[in-house]
Amino acid sequence: MHQMRLATVSDAAAIAELFLAARAHSIETIPPVVGNYDRAFPWLESRIKKGDPCWVMQDSIGLSALMLLEPGWIDQLYVRPDVIGQGLGTRLLDKAKETMPSGLRLWTFQSNVRAQNFYEQRGFVAVEWTDGSGNEEREPDVRYVWSGVGDCVDTSVL
């Protein structure tokens, strides 16, 4: 059973470990993280301290998924490798849509076809492709938009 809740500052270490484990597991499809735990932990801790909502899911082993939000954006969404495919990402995405019903945006790497399929199956539309010069990994990425509940938005202007 995976319980969803808002993270607290005391979760920051476990969130950093989950973030790094999920990224390492996906090394075949996304570039490695720039930095290590000593960089990820303070960054995630500071985001939680400043009030950016970080939703986590937890099971008997520990944290199983995380989603870091900022106004109008999904900043990070990762699932622990051993529970991928169990619907945790969908549950978190549904929480984001509930939290921000007027619309959401996110970036994913162009090489991450699995993530692109995941978001497209859940109503997101690709609206921008870049050469990666704007992200710290310097890898081509794509911006997705979900236009919100009941809205029909011209995504060409987003």
Protein backbone atom coordinates (compact mmCIF):
# COMPACT_ATOMS: atom_id res chain seq x y z
CA MET A 1 0.00 0.00 0.00
CA HIS A 2 1.46 3.35 -1.05
CA GLN A 3 0.31 6.32 1.00
CA MET A 4 0.54 9.84 -0.47
CA ARG A 5 1.40 12.87 1.65
CA LEU A 6 3.16 16.20 1.51
CA ALA A 7 6.83 15.94 2.33
CA THR A 8 8.39 17.72 5.26
CA VAL A 9 11.92 19.00 5.67
CA SER A 10 12.74 15.81 7.59
CA ASP A 11 12.07 13.85 4.37
CA ALA A 12 14.71 15.73 2.37
CA ALA A 13 17.45 13.11 2.78
CA ALA A 14 15.17 10.26 1.67
CA ILE A 15 13.85 12.38 -1.21
CA ALA A 16 17.40 13.08 -2.39
CA GLU A 17 18.24 9.37 -2.23
CA LEU A 18 15.10 8.45 -4.20
CA PHE A 19 15.78 11.18 -6.77
CA LEU A 20 19.35 9.96 -7.32
CA ALA A 21 18.36 6.28 -7.43
CA ALA A 22 15.62 6.93 -9.98
CA ARG A 23 17.91 9.02 -12.16
CA ALA A 24 20.69 6.40 -11.95
CA HIS A 25 18.22 3.66 -12.91
CA SER A 26 17.23 5.64 -16.02
CA ILE A 27 20.78 6.31 -17.20
CA GLU A 28 20.06 4.52 -20.49
CA THR A 29 17.40 7.09 -21.40
CA ILE A 30 18.33 10.28 -19.56
CA PRO A 31 21.64 11.95 -18.78
CA PRO A 32 23.20 11.55 -15.35
CA VAL A 33 22.47 14.07 -12.63
CA VAL A 34 24.83 17.01 -12.49
CA GLY A 35 26.31 16.63 -9.02
CA ASN A 36 25.72 14.10 -6.27
CA TYR A 37 23.94 13.71 -2.93
CA ASP A 38 25.87 16.64 -1.45
CA ARG A 39 24.33 18.84 -4.12
CA ALA A 40 20.88 17.22 -4.39
CA PHE A 41 20.10 17.16 -0.66
CA PRO A 42 20.51 20.90 0.07
CA TRP A 43 18.70 21.82 -3.14
CA LEU A 44 15.69 19.62 -2.32
CA GLU A 45 15.72 20.65 1.34
CA SER A 46 15.71 24.34 0.37
CA ARG A 47 12.77 23.82 -2.01
CA ILE A 48 10.71 22.18 0.74
CA LYS A 49 11.70 24.86 3.26
CA LYS A 50 10.59 27.64 0.92
CA GLY A 51 7.21 25.97 0.54
CA ASP A 52 7.35 24.32 -2.87
CA PRO A 53 4.91 21.40 -2.54
CA CYS A 54 6.70 18.08 -2.66
CA TRP A 55 4.31 15.14 -2.67
CA VAL A 56 5.73 11.76 -1.74
CA MET A 57 4.40 8.26 -1.68
CA GLN A 58 5.53 5.82 0.93
CA ASP A 59 5.32 2.07 1.40
CA SER A 60 6.74 -0.34 3.97
CA ILE A 61 10.24 0.04 2.47
CA GLY A 62 10.29 3.84 2.47
CA LEU A 63 9.62 6.58 -0.07
CA SER A 64 8.40 5.10 -3.33
CA ALA A 65 7.74 8.20 -5.46
CA LEU A 66 8.13 11.96 -5.40
CA MET A 67 6.74 14.97 -7.21
CA LEU A 68 8.09 18.47 -6.71
CA LEU A 69 5.81 21.29 -7.83
CA GLU A 70 6.08 25.01 -8.32
CA PRO A 71 3.28 27.30 -9.50
CA GLY A 72 2.04 25.93 -12.82
CA TRP A 73 4.88 23.43 -13.15
CA ILE A 74 5.82 19.88 -12.34
CA ASP A 75 9.51 20.29 -11.58
CA GLN A 76 10.40 16.69 -10.72
CA LEU A 77 8.46 13.41 -10.83
CA TYR A 78 10.29 10.17 -10.08
CA VAL A 79 9.30 6.67 -9.02
CA ARG A 80 11.51 4.19 -7.18
CA PRO A 81 12.79 1.67 -9.75
CA ASP A 82 11.28 -1.41 -8.07
CA VAL A 83 7.73 0.00 -8.20
CA ILE A 84 7.68 1.49 -11.71
CA GLY A 85 4.49 0.51 -13.53
CA GLN A 86 2.30 0.31 -10.41
CA GLY A 87 0.44 3.58 -11.07
CA LEU A 88 2.32 5.78 -8.62
CA GLY A 89 3.30 8.33 -11.24
CA THR A 90 -0.31 8.55 -12.41
CA ARG A 91 -1.53 9.10 -8.85
CA LEU A 92 0.99 11.90 -8.36
CA LEU A 93 0.12 13.44 -11.71
CA ASP A 94 -3.56 13.35 -10.78
CA LYS A 95 -2.69 15.16 -7.54
CA ALA A 96 -0.85 17.85 -9.53
CA LYS A 97 -3.88 18.29 -11.82
CA GLU A 98 -6.15 18.52 -8.78
CA THR A 99 -3.82 21.06 -7.15
CA MET A 100 -3.46 23.17 -10.31
CA PRO A 101 -6.61 22.59 -12.38
CA SER A 102 -5.98 25.59 -14.63
CA GLY A 103 -3.00 23.86 -16.26
CA LEU A 104 0.49 22.48 -15.86
CA ARG A 105 3.79 22.54 -17.69
CA LEU A 106 6.85 20.33 -17.44
CA TRP A 107 10.10 19.51 -19.19
CA THR A 108 11.44 16.07 -20.03
CA PHE A 109 14.47 14.99 -21.99
CA GLN A 110 13.87 14.22 -25.66
CA SER A 111 15.66 10.91 -25.09
CA ASN A 112 13.10 9.90 -22.42
CA VAL A 113 10.47 8.39 -24.72
CA ARG A 114 8.90 6.46 -21.83
CA ALA A 115 8.16 9.74 -19.99
CA GLN A 116 6.87 11.35 -23.18
CA ASN A 117 4.44 8.46 -23.73
CA PHE A 118 3.39 8.62 -20.06
CA TYR A 119 2.56 12.34 -20.22
CA GLU A 120 0.92 12.18 -23.66
CA GLN A 121 -1.37 9.34 -22.51
CA ARG A 122 -2.46 11.60 -19.64
CA GLY A 123 -3.40 14.63 -21.71
CA PHE A 124 -0.13 16.55 -22.03
CA VAL A 125 0.88 18.00 -25.40
CA ALA A 126 4.45 18.66 -26.54
CA VAL A 127 4.80 22.35 -27.45
CA GLU A 128 8.53 23.14 -27.53
CA TRP A 129 11.73 21.29 -28.35
CA THR A 130 15.15 22.69 -27.42
CA ASP A 131 18.78 21.86 -27.97
CA GLY A 132 19.32 21.60 -24.20
CA SER A 133 21.26 24.82 -23.81
CA GLY A 134 18.80 25.91 -21.12
CA ASN A 135 19.22 22.94 -18.79
CA GLU A 136 22.19 22.03 -16.65
CA GLU A 137 22.67 18.65 -18.33
CA ARG A 138 22.91 20.39 -21.74
CA GLU A 139 20.68 17.69 -23.26
CA PRO A 140 17.84 18.28 -25.73
CA ASP A 141 14.50 18.52 -23.98
CA VAL A 142 10.82 19.00 -24.71
CA ARG A 143 8.25 21.11 -22.89
CA TYR A 144 4.80 19.64 -22.31
CA VAL A 145 1.58 21.43 -21.43
CA TRP A 146 -1.65 20.17 -19.90
CA SER A 147 -4.25 22.86 -20.56
CA GLY A 148 -6.37 22.20 -17.50
CA VAL A 149 -9.82 20.99 -16.62
CA GLY A 150 -12.48 22.07 -19.10
CA ASP A 151 -10.24 24.54 -20.90
CA CYS A 152 -9.29 24.60 -24.52
CA VAL A 153 -6.06 26.56 -24.62
CA ASP A 154 -4.04 27.53 -27.67
CA THR A 155 -0.82 25.76 -26.69
CA SER A 156 1.14 27.54 -29.44
CA VAL A 157 1.36 30.60 -27.18
CA LEU A 158 2.41 28.72 -24.01
